[in-house]
Amino acid sequence: MSSVIFIGGGNMASCLVGGMIAQGFKQDKITVSEPKQDNRNNLETKFGICVTDNNQTAIAGADVVVLAVKPQIMRRVSLDLASSLNPKTVVVSIAAGISIDALQGWLGHSIPIIRAMPNTPSLVLTGATGLYANHLTQQSQKDVVNDIFEAVGYSCWVESEELIDSVIAVSGSG
């Protein structure tokens, strides 16, 4: 089973973790890196997962890194991760308005990247998520990421990144 690391432990990350565990993901394969001690304590208590406040340590050996941070800090977080990120790790962004090109520039690698736009009903496991992967993403990576988002509802892959904006408009994502 793949290791999944969340950078950011807010509402959407918490919902995804809960859905994943309910769908059979192993708790010891899920880590959340979160700066706020209270959030870390809540996640650890509620889900029995590994938590940390060190992003670089968290992503070591990760198969999937989910960037679950606000768009306004995505650049800083991505730049901080760039030197520690394995180029074979798939990076998933759930931040609205941040393109794959921008992420690619900040991360400094030609790495697999997926944009995901979950909507707020995902918080109660009835969501819809639009997904788009760059050309470097392997089918096996897409399958794992699909399983993550299907744990909180329905997922739909789109054929171009521009269509993510349509998903946002129709489903209330972002």
N, C-alpha and C. Protein backbone atom coordinates (compact mmCIF):
# COMPACT_ATOMS: atom_id res chain seq x y z
N MET A 1 0.85 -1.19 0.00
CA MET A 1 0.00 0.00 0.00
C MET A 1 0.89 1.24 0.00
N SER A 2 0.46 2.25 -0.70
CA SER A 2 1.22 3.49 -0.85
C SER A 2 1.19 4.33 0.41
N SER A 3 2.30 5.04 0.65
CA SER A 3 2.33 6.00 1.76
C SER A 3 1.83 7.34 1.25
N VAL A 4 0.92 7.95 2.02
CA VAL A 4 0.30 9.21 1.64
C VAL A 4 0.61 10.23 2.72
N ILE A 5 1.22 11.34 2.31
CA ILE A 5 1.61 12.41 3.22
C ILE A 5 0.80 13.65 2.89
N PHE A 6 0.19 14.22 3.90
CA PHE A 6 -0.53 15.48 3.75
C PHE A 6 0.31 16.60 4.32
N ILE A 7 0.52 17.63 3.53
CA ILE A 7 1.15 18.85 4.01
C ILE A 7 0.00 19.82 4.28
N GLY A 8 -0.29 20.01 5.55
CA GLY A 8 -1.46 20.79 5.97
C GLY A 8 -2.49 19.85 6.56
N GLY A 9 -2.99 20.20 7.73
CA GLY A 9 -3.92 19.33 8.43
C GLY A 9 -5.25 20.00 8.75
N GLY A 10 -5.74 20.81 7.84
CA GLY A 10 -7.01 21.50 8.04
C GLY A 10 -8.21 20.62 7.76
N ASN A 11 -9.35 21.26 7.52
CA ASN A 11 -10.62 20.53 7.35
C ASN A 11 -10.59 19.53 6.19
N MET A 12 -10.11 19.95 5.03
CA MET A 12 -10.14 19.04 3.88
C MET A 12 -9.18 17.87 4.08
N ALA A 13 -7.99 18.13 4.61
CA ALA A 13 -7.06 17.03 4.88
C ALA A 13 -7.66 16.06 5.88
N SER A 14 -8.27 16.58 6.93
CA SER A 14 -8.90 15.74 7.94
C SER A 14 -10.01 14.88 7.34
N CYS A 15 -10.81 15.47 6.49
CA CYS A 15 -11.89 14.73 5.83
C CYS A 15 -11.32 13.63 4.94
N LEU A 16 -10.27 13.93 4.18
CA LEU A 16 -9.67 12.93 3.30
C LEU A 16 -9.07 11.79 4.12
N VAL A 17 -8.38 12.12 5.21
CA VAL A 17 -7.80 11.09 6.07
C VAL A 17 -8.91 10.19 6.62
N GLY A 18 -9.98 10.79 7.13
CA GLY A 18 -11.08 10.00 7.67
C GLY A 18 -11.71 9.09 6.63
N GLY A 19 -11.92 9.62 5.43
CA GLY A 19 -12.47 8.81 4.36
C GLY A 19 -11.55 7.68 3.95
N MET A 20 -10.26 7.98 3.89
CA MET A 20 -9.28 6.95 3.52
C MET A 20 -9.29 5.80 4.52
N ILE A 21 -9.28 6.13 5.80
CA ILE A 21 -9.27 5.09 6.83
C ILE A 21 -10.55 4.27 6.76
N ALA A 22 -11.68 4.94 6.56
CA ALA A 22 -12.96 4.24 6.45
C ALA A 22 -12.98 3.29 5.25
N GLN A 23 -12.20 3.61 4.21
CA GLN A 23 -12.14 2.78 3.01
C GLN A 23 -11.01 1.76 3.04
N GLY A 24 -10.32 1.64 4.18
CA GLY A 24 -9.33 0.58 4.32
C GLY A 24 -7.88 0.97 4.17
N PHE A 25 -7.59 2.25 3.98
CA PHE A 25 -6.19 2.66 3.97
C PHE A 25 -5.61 2.41 5.36
N LYS A 26 -4.38 1.95 5.42
CA LYS A 26 -3.74 1.66 6.70
C LYS A 26 -3.26 2.96 7.35
N GLN A 27 -3.57 3.10 8.63
CA GLN A 27 -3.20 4.31 9.36
C GLN A 27 -1.69 4.55 9.38
N ASP A 28 -0.91 3.47 9.41
CA ASP A 28 0.54 3.66 9.47
C ASP A 28 1.13 4.09 8.13
N LYS A 29 0.30 4.19 7.10
CA LYS A 29 0.74 4.68 5.79
C LYS A 29 0.30 6.11 5.54
N ILE A 30 -0.31 6.75 6.55
CA ILE A 30 -0.79 8.12 6.42
C ILE A 30 -0.08 9.00 7.44
N THR A 31 0.49 10.11 6.96
CA THR A 31 1.14 11.09 7.84
C THR A 31 0.61 12.46 7.48
N VAL A 32 0.42 13.29 8.49
CA VAL A 32 0.04 14.68 8.26
C VAL A 32 1.10 15.57 8.89
N SER A 33 1.62 16.49 8.10
CA SER A 33 2.53 17.52 8.61
C SER A 33 1.72 18.81 8.76
N GLU A 34 1.67 19.30 9.98
CA GLU A 34 0.80 20.43 10.32
C GLU A 34 1.52 21.30 11.35
N PRO A 35 1.59 22.62 11.13
CA PRO A 35 2.33 23.48 12.06
C PRO A 35 1.65 23.68 13.42
N LYS A 36 0.34 23.57 13.48
CA LYS A 36 -0.38 23.86 14.73
C LYS A 36 -0.48 22.61 15.61
N GLN A 37 0.07 22.73 16.83
CA GLN A 37 0.08 21.61 17.77
C GLN A 37 -1.33 21.07 18.05
N ASP A 38 -2.30 21.95 18.26
CA ASP A 38 -3.67 21.49 18.54
C ASP A 38 -4.22 20.64 17.39
N ASN A 39 -3.98 21.07 16.16
CA ASN A 39 -4.44 20.28 15.00
C ASN A 39 -3.75 18.93 14.95
N ARG A 40 -2.44 18.92 15.22
CA ARG A 40 -1.70 17.64 15.22
C ARG A 40 -2.28 16.70 16.28
N ASN A 41 -2.50 17.23 17.47
CA ASN A 41 -3.06 16.40 18.55
C ASN A 41 -4.42 15.83 18.16
N ASN A 42 -5.27 16.67 17.59
CA ASN A 42 -6.61 16.22 17.18
C ASN A 42 -6.54 15.12 16.13
N LEU A 43 -5.68 15.31 15.13
CA LEU A 43 -5.54 14.31 14.06
C LEU A 43 -5.01 12.98 14.60
N GLU A 44 -4.02 13.07 15.46
CA GLU A 44 -3.43 11.86 16.02
C GLU A 44 -4.44 11.11 16.89
N THR A 45 -5.18 11.85 17.71
CA THR A 45 -6.18 11.23 18.59
C THR A 45 -7.34 10.65 17.80
N LYS A 46 -7.85 11.42 16.86
CA LYS A 46 -9.04 11.01 16.10
C LYS A 46 -8.77 9.84 15.16
N PHE A 47 -7.60 9.84 14.51
CA PHE A 47 -7.35 8.86 13.46
C PHE A 47 -6.23 7.87 13.75
N GLY A 48 -5.42 8.11 14.78
CA GLY A 48 -4.32 7.20 15.08
C GLY A 48 -3.24 7.18 14.01
N ILE A 49 -3.02 8.33 13.38
CA ILE A 49 -2.02 8.43 12.31
C ILE A 49 -0.77 9.12 12.84
N CYS A 50 0.28 9.10 12.06
CA CYS A 50 1.51 9.80 12.39
C CYS A 50 1.33 11.28 12.06
N VAL A 51 1.77 12.13 12.95
CA VAL A 51 1.73 13.58 12.72
C VAL A 51 3.11 14.16 13.02
N THR A 52 3.39 15.27 12.37
CA THR A 52 4.67 15.95 12.55
C THR A 52 4.49 17.42 12.21
N ASP A 53 5.50 18.22 12.54
CA ASP A 53 5.49 19.61 12.09
C ASP A 53 6.65 19.86 11.13
N ASN A 54 7.30 18.77 10.68
CA ASN A 54 8.46 18.89 9.80
C ASN A 54 8.12 18.33 8.42
N ASN A 55 7.89 19.22 7.47
CA ASN A 55 7.50 18.80 6.12
C ASN A 55 8.55 17.93 5.45
N GLN A 56 9.82 18.30 5.59
CA GLN A 56 10.89 17.55 4.92
C GLN A 56 10.97 16.12 5.45
N THR A 57 10.88 15.95 6.75
CA THR A 57 10.89 14.62 7.33
C THR A 57 9.67 13.83 6.88
N ALA A 58 8.53 14.48 6.84
CA ALA A 58 7.28 13.82 6.47
C ALA A 58 7.34 13.22 5.07
N ILE A 59 7.92 13.94 4.12
CA ILE A 59 7.86 13.48 2.73
C ILE A 59 8.94 12.47 2.36
N ALA A 60 9.88 12.22 3.25
CA ALA A 60 10.95 11.25 2.96
C ALA A 60 10.33 9.88 2.68
N GLY A 61 10.55 9.36 1.50
CA GLY A 61 10.05 8.05 1.12
C GLY A 61 8.58 8.00 0.75
N ALA A 62 7.93 9.16 0.63
CA ALA A 62 6.50 9.19 0.33
C ALA A 62 6.21 8.76 -1.10
N ASP A 63 5.10 8.08 -1.28
CA ASP A 63 4.62 7.75 -2.62
C ASP A 63 3.74 8.88 -3.16
N VAL A 64 2.92 9.46 -2.26
CA VAL A 64 2.00 10.53 -2.62
C VAL A 64 2.14 11.65 -1.60
N VAL A 65 2.30 12.88 -2.08
CA VAL A 65 2.30 14.06 -1.20
C VAL A 65 1.13 14.93 -1.61
N VAL A 66 0.20 15.14 -0.68
CA VAL A 66 -0.97 15.97 -0.93
C VAL A 66 -0.72 17.34 -0.31
N LEU A 67 -0.65 18.36 -1.16
CA LEU A 67 -0.45 19.73 -0.69
C LEU A 67 -1.83 20.30 -0.36
N ALA A 68 -2.14 20.28 0.93
CA ALA A 68 -3.45 20.70 1.42
C ALA A 68 -3.31 22.01 2.19
N VAL A 69 -2.72 22.99 1.51
CA VAL A 69 -2.51 24.30 2.12
C VAL A 69 -3.24 25.35 1.31
N LYS A 70 -3.43 26.51 1.91
CA LYS A 70 -4.13 27.62 1.25
C LYS A 70 -3.31 28.10 0.05
N PRO A 71 -3.98 28.55 -1.01
CA PRO A 71 -3.26 29.02 -2.20
C PRO A 71 -2.22 30.10 -1.90
N GLN A 72 -2.49 30.97 -0.94
CA GLN A 72 -1.57 32.08 -0.66
C GLN A 72 -0.24 31.63 -0.05
N ILE A 73 -0.16 30.40 0.47
CA ILE A 73 1.13 29.93 0.99
C ILE A 73 1.70 28.78 0.16
N MET A 74 1.03 28.41 -0.92
CA MET A 74 1.48 27.27 -1.73
C MET A 74 2.89 27.49 -2.29
N ARG A 75 3.20 28.69 -2.75
CA ARG A 75 4.53 28.95 -3.31
C ARG A 75 5.61 28.69 -2.27
N ARG A 76 5.44 29.26 -1.08
CA ARG A 76 6.45 29.10 -0.02
C ARG A 76 6.60 27.63 0.37
N VAL A 77 5.48 26.95 0.57
CA VAL A 77 5.53 25.54 0.96
C VAL A 77 6.21 24.71 -0.13
N SER A 78 5.86 24.95 -1.38
CA SER A 78 6.46 24.20 -2.50
C SER A 78 7.96 24.44 -2.58
N LEU A 79 8.38 25.69 -2.46
CA LEU A 79 9.81 26.00 -2.51
C LEU A 79 10.56 25.32 -1.36
N ASP A 80 9.94 25.27 -0.18
CA ASP A 80 10.56 24.61 0.97
C ASP A 80 10.70 23.10 0.76
N LEU A 81 9.78 22.51 0.04
CA LEU A 81 9.81 21.06 -0.19
C LEU A 81 10.72 20.64 -1.34
N ALA A 82 11.00 21.56 -2.24
CA ALA A 82 11.66 21.22 -3.51
C ALA A 82 12.91 20.37 -3.34
N SER A 83 13.79 20.73 -2.42
CA SER A 83 15.06 20.00 -2.30
C SER A 83 14.90 18.63 -1.64
N SER A 84 13.80 18.39 -0.96
CA SER A 84 13.59 17.12 -0.26
C SER A 84 12.69 16.15 -1.01
N LEU A 85 12.10 16.60 -2.09
CA LEU A 85 11.10 15.80 -2.80
C LEU A 85 11.74 14.81 -3.75
N ASN A 86 11.33 13.56 -3.68
CA ASN A 86 11.77 12.53 -4.61
C ASN A 86 11.05 12.75 -5.93
N PRO A 87 11.77 12.82 -7.05
CA PRO A 87 11.11 13.06 -8.34
C PRO A 87 10.12 11.98 -8.76
N LYS A 88 10.12 10.83 -8.09
CA LYS A 88 9.16 9.77 -8.42
C LYS A 88 7.90 9.85 -7.57
N THR A 89 7.88 10.76 -6.61
CA THR A 89 6.70 10.96 -5.77
C THR A 89 5.68 11.77 -6.55
N VAL A 90 4.42 11.36 -6.51
CA VAL A 90 3.38 12.16 -7.15
C VAL A 90 2.91 13.22 -6.14
N VAL A 91 2.84 14.45 -6.62
CA VAL A 91 2.39 15.57 -5.80
C VAL A 91 0.97 15.92 -6.23
N VAL A 92 0.09 16.05 -5.25
CA VAL A 92 -1.31 16.39 -5.49
C VAL A 92 -1.59 17.73 -4.84
N SER A 93 -2.11 18.67 -5.60
CA SER A 93 -2.49 19.97 -5.05
C SER A 93 -4.00 20.07 -4.99
N ILE A 94 -4.51 20.50 -3.83
CA ILE A 94 -5.95 20.75 -3.72
C ILE A 94 -6.23 22.25 -3.61
N ALA A 95 -5.25 23.07 -3.97
CA ALA A 95 -5.40 24.53 -3.89
C ALA A 95 -6.00 25.07 -5.18
N ALA A 96 -7.08 25.81 -5.05
CA ALA A 96 -7.73 26.42 -6.21
C ALA A 96 -6.82 27.47 -6.83
N GLY A 97 -6.81 27.51 -8.16
CA GLY A 97 -6.12 28.57 -8.87
C GLY A 97 -4.62 28.42 -9.03
N ILE A 98 -4.04 27.33 -8.57
CA ILE A 98 -2.59 27.11 -8.70
C ILE A 98 -2.38 26.08 -9.80
N SER A 99 -1.76 26.51 -10.89
CA SER A 99 -1.59 25.64 -12.06
C SER A 99 -0.45 24.64 -11.84
N ILE A 100 -0.49 23.59 -12.65
CA ILE A 100 0.59 22.62 -12.63
C ILE A 100 1.90 23.28 -13.04
N ASP A 101 1.86 24.18 -14.02
CA ASP A 101 3.08 24.90 -14.42
C ASP A 101 3.69 25.66 -13.25
N ALA A 102 2.86 26.33 -12.46
CA ALA A 102 3.37 27.06 -11.30
C ALA A 102 4.00 26.09 -10.30
N LEU A 103 3.32 25.00 -10.01
CA LEU A 103 3.86 24.02 -9.08
C LEU A 103 5.17 23.45 -9.59
N GLN A 104 5.22 23.13 -10.89
CA GLN A 104 6.43 22.58 -11.49
C GLN A 104 7.59 23.57 -11.33
N GLY A 105 7.34 24.84 -11.54
CA GLY A 105 8.38 25.85 -11.37
C GLY A 105 8.87 25.94 -9.94
N TRP A 106 7.98 25.90 -8.99
CA TRP A 106 8.36 26.02 -7.58
C TRP A 106 9.05 24.78 -7.06
N LEU A 107 8.59 23.61 -7.51
CA LEU A 107 9.16 22.36 -7.00
C LEU A 107 10.50 22.04 -7.66
N GLY A 108 10.76 22.63 -8.83
CA GLY A 108 12.07 22.50 -9.45
C GLY A 108 12.37 21.15 -10.05
N HIS A 109 11.38 20.32 -10.25
CA HIS A 109 11.59 19.00 -10.83
C HIS A 109 10.59 18.79 -11.95
N SER A 110 10.92 17.87 -12.82
CA SER A 110 9.91 17.35 -13.74
C SER A 110 9.31 16.16 -13.03
N ILE A 111 8.27 16.42 -12.26
CA ILE A 111 7.68 15.39 -11.42
C ILE A 111 6.21 15.20 -11.76
N PRO A 112 5.66 14.05 -11.40
CA PRO A 112 4.24 13.83 -11.59
C PRO A 112 3.44 14.75 -10.67
N ILE A 113 2.49 15.47 -11.24
CA ILE A 113 1.65 16.38 -10.46
C ILE A 113 0.20 16.17 -10.87
N ILE A 114 -0.66 16.16 -9.87
CA ILE A 114 -2.10 16.07 -10.09
C ILE A 114 -2.76 17.25 -9.39
N ARG A 115 -3.65 17.92 -10.12
CA ARG A 115 -4.51 18.93 -9.49
C ARG A 115 -5.81 18.25 -9.14
N ALA A 116 -6.28 18.50 -7.95
CA ALA A 116 -7.55 17.94 -7.48
C ALA A 116 -8.39 19.06 -6.93
N MET A 117 -9.65 19.09 -7.31
CA MET A 117 -10.58 20.11 -6.82
C MET A 117 -11.76 19.44 -6.13
N PRO A 118 -11.57 19.08 -4.84
CA PRO A 118 -12.71 18.53 -4.10
C PRO A 118 -13.66 19.65 -3.69
N ASN A 119 -14.94 19.34 -3.63
CA ASN A 119 -15.89 20.37 -3.18
C ASN A 119 -16.24 20.16 -1.72
N THR A 120 -16.93 21.12 -1.13
CA THR A 120 -17.19 21.07 0.31
C THR A 120 -18.04 19.88 0.76
N PRO A 121 -18.96 19.32 -0.04
CA PRO A 121 -19.64 18.11 0.44
C PRO A 121 -18.69 16.94 0.72
N SER A 122 -17.45 17.03 0.24
CA SER A 122 -16.45 16.01 0.58
C SER A 122 -16.26 15.93 2.09
N LEU A 123 -16.51 17.04 2.77
CA LEU A 123 -16.35 17.07 4.23
C LEU A 123 -17.32 16.11 4.92
N VAL A 124 -18.41 15.76 4.25
CA VAL A 124 -19.36 14.79 4.80
C VAL A 124 -19.46 13.55 3.90
N LEU A 125 -18.37 13.28 3.18
CA LEU A 125 -18.19 12.08 2.37
C LEU A 125 -19.20 11.94 1.23
N THR A 126 -19.71 13.06 0.74
CA THR A 126 -20.63 13.06 -0.40
C THR A 126 -20.17 14.04 -1.47
N GLY A 127 -18.87 14.15 -1.64
CA GLY A 127 -18.31 15.15 -2.52
C GLY A 127 -18.12 14.71 -3.95
N ALA A 128 -17.66 15.66 -4.72
CA ALA A 128 -17.26 15.42 -6.11
C ALA A 128 -15.91 16.10 -6.29
N THR A 129 -14.98 15.40 -6.91
CA THR A 129 -13.64 15.94 -7.11
C THR A 129 -13.26 15.84 -8.58
N GLY A 130 -12.83 16.96 -9.14
CA GLY A 130 -12.26 16.97 -10.47
C GLY A 130 -10.76 16.74 -10.36
N LEU A 131 -10.21 15.93 -11.24
CA LEU A 131 -8.79 15.58 -11.20
C LEU A 131 -8.16 15.76 -12.58
N TYR A 132 -6.93 16.27 -12.59
CA TYR A 132 -6.16 16.38 -13.82
C TYR A 132 -4.71 16.05 -13.51
N ALA A 133 -4.08 15.22 -14.34
CA ALA A 133 -2.69 14.81 -14.13
C ALA A 133 -1.82 15.28 -15.29
N ASN A 134 -0.59 15.67 -14.96
CA ASN A 134 0.34 16.01 -16.04
C ASN A 134 0.84 14.73 -16.72
N HIS A 135 1.57 14.90 -17.81
CA HIS A 135 2.00 13.75 -18.63
C HIS A 135 3.02 12.86 -17.93
N LEU A 136 3.61 13.30 -16.85
CA LEU A 136 4.60 12.50 -16.13
C LEU A 136 3.97 11.53 -15.13
N THR A 137 2.68 11.63 -14.94
CA THR A 137 1.99 10.82 -13.94
C THR A 137 1.69 9.43 -14.50
N GLN A 138 2.12 8.41 -13.78
CA GLN A 138 1.87 7.02 -14.17
C GLN A 138 0.43 6.63 -13.84
N GLN A 139 -0.10 5.65 -14.55
CA GLN A 139 -1.46 5.18 -14.28
C GLN A 139 -1.59 4.67 -12.85
N SER A 140 -0.57 3.98 -12.35
CA SER A 140 -0.64 3.46 -10.97
C SER A 140 -0.74 4.60 -9.96
N GLN A 141 -0.08 5.74 -10.24
CA GLN A 141 -0.19 6.90 -9.36
C GLN A 141 -1.59 7.50 -9.44
N LYS A 142 -2.13 7.58 -10.64
CA LYS A 142 -3.50 8.09 -10.80
C LYS A 142 -4.49 7.20 -10.05
N ASP A 143 -4.26 5.90 -10.09
CA ASP A 143 -5.17 4.97 -9.40
C ASP A 143 -5.18 5.21 -7.89
N VAL A 144 -4.00 5.39 -7.31
CA VAL A 144 -3.92 5.65 -5.86
C VAL A 144 -4.61 6.96 -5.51
N VAL A 145 -4.34 8.00 -6.28
CA VAL A 145 -4.95 9.31 -6.02
C VAL A 145 -6.47 9.23 -6.22
N ASN A 146 -6.91 8.51 -7.22
CA ASN A 146 -8.34 8.32 -7.42
C ASN A 146 -8.98 7.67 -6.19
N ASP A 147 -8.32 6.65 -5.64
CA ASP A 147 -8.83 5.98 -4.44
C ASP A 147 -8.95 6.94 -3.26
N ILE A 148 -7.98 7.85 -3.13
CA ILE A 148 -8.02 8.83 -2.04
C ILE A 148 -9.29 9.68 -2.15
N PHE A 149 -9.56 10.20 -3.33
CA PHE A 149 -10.69 11.11 -3.48
C PHE A 149 -12.03 10.38 -3.57
N GLU A 150 -12.02 9.15 -4.05
CA GLU A 150 -13.27 8.38 -4.04
C GLU A 150 -13.65 7.97 -2.62
N ALA A 151 -12.73 8.06 -1.68
CA ALA A 151 -13.04 7.78 -0.27
C ALA A 151 -13.97 8.84 0.32
N VAL A 152 -14.09 9.99 -0.35
CA VAL A 152 -14.96 11.07 0.15
C VAL A 152 -16.06 11.43 -0.85
N GLY A 153 -16.28 10.59 -1.84
CA GLY A 153 -17.32 10.87 -2.82
C GLY A 153 -16.94 10.36 -4.20
N TYR A 154 -17.33 11.12 -5.19
CA TYR A 154 -17.14 10.77 -6.60
C TYR A 154 -15.94 11.54 -7.15
N SER A 155 -15.18 10.90 -8.04
CA SER A 155 -14.09 11.62 -8.70
C SER A 155 -14.24 11.52 -10.21
N CYS A 156 -13.78 12.56 -10.89
CA CYS A 156 -13.90 12.64 -12.34
C CYS A 156 -12.61 13.22 -12.91
N TRP A 157 -11.96 12.47 -13.79
CA TRP A 157 -10.74 12.94 -14.44
C TRP A 157 -11.12 13.78 -15.65
N VAL A 158 -10.44 14.90 -15.81
CA VAL A 158 -10.68 15.77 -16.96
C VAL A 158 -9.47 15.69 -17.89
N GLU A 159 -9.69 16.02 -19.17
CA GLU A 159 -8.67 15.84 -20.19
C GLU A 159 -7.72 17.01 -20.34
N SER A 160 -8.08 18.16 -19.79
CA SER A 160 -7.17 19.30 -19.84
C SER A 160 -7.29 20.08 -18.53
N GLU A 161 -6.20 20.71 -18.17
CA GLU A 161 -6.18 21.44 -16.90
C GLU A 161 -7.20 22.57 -16.89
N GLU A 162 -7.45 23.16 -18.04
CA GLU A 162 -8.42 24.24 -18.12
C GLU A 162 -9.82 23.79 -17.67
N LEU A 163 -10.12 22.52 -17.84
CA LEU A 163 -11.44 22.01 -17.45
C LEU A 163 -11.62 21.95 -15.93
N ILE A 164 -10.51 22.03 -15.18
CA ILE A 164 -10.63 22.09 -13.72
C ILE A 164 -11.47 23.30 -13.32
N ASP A 165 -11.30 24.41 -14.05
CA ASP A 165 -12.09 25.60 -13.75
C ASP A 165 -13.58 25.34 -13.92
N SER A 166 -13.95 24.51 -14.88
CA SER A 166 -15.35 24.13 -15.07
C SER A 166 -15.86 23.31 -13.89
N VAL A 167 -15.02 22.43 -13.39
CA VAL A 167 -15.39 21.62 -12.23
C VAL A 167 -15.65 22.54 -11.04
N ILE A 168 -14.79 23.53 -10.87
CA ILE A 168 -14.96 24.48 -9.77
C ILE A 168 -16.31 25.19 -9.90
N ALA A 169 -16.62 25.64 -11.10
CA ALA A 169 -17.87 26.39 -11.31
C ALA A 169 -19.10 25.52 -11.10
N VAL A 170 -19.07 24.29 -11.57
CA VAL A 170 -20.25 23.42 -11.51
C VAL A 170 -20.45 22.81 -10.13
N SER A 171 -19.36 22.42 -9.46
CA SER A 171 -19.51 21.65 -8.22
C SER A 171 -19.31 22.47 -6.96
N GLY A 172 -18.88 23.71 -7.09
CA GLY A 172 -18.66 24.52 -5.90
C GLY A 172 -17.34 24.23 -5.22
N SER A 173 -16.35 23.73 -5.96
CA SER A 173 -15.02 23.47 -5.41
C SER A 173 -14.28 24.78 -5.22
N GLY A 174 -13.16 24.69 -4.48
CA GLY A 174 -12.24 25.81 -4.38
C GLY A 174 -12.58 26.83 -3.38
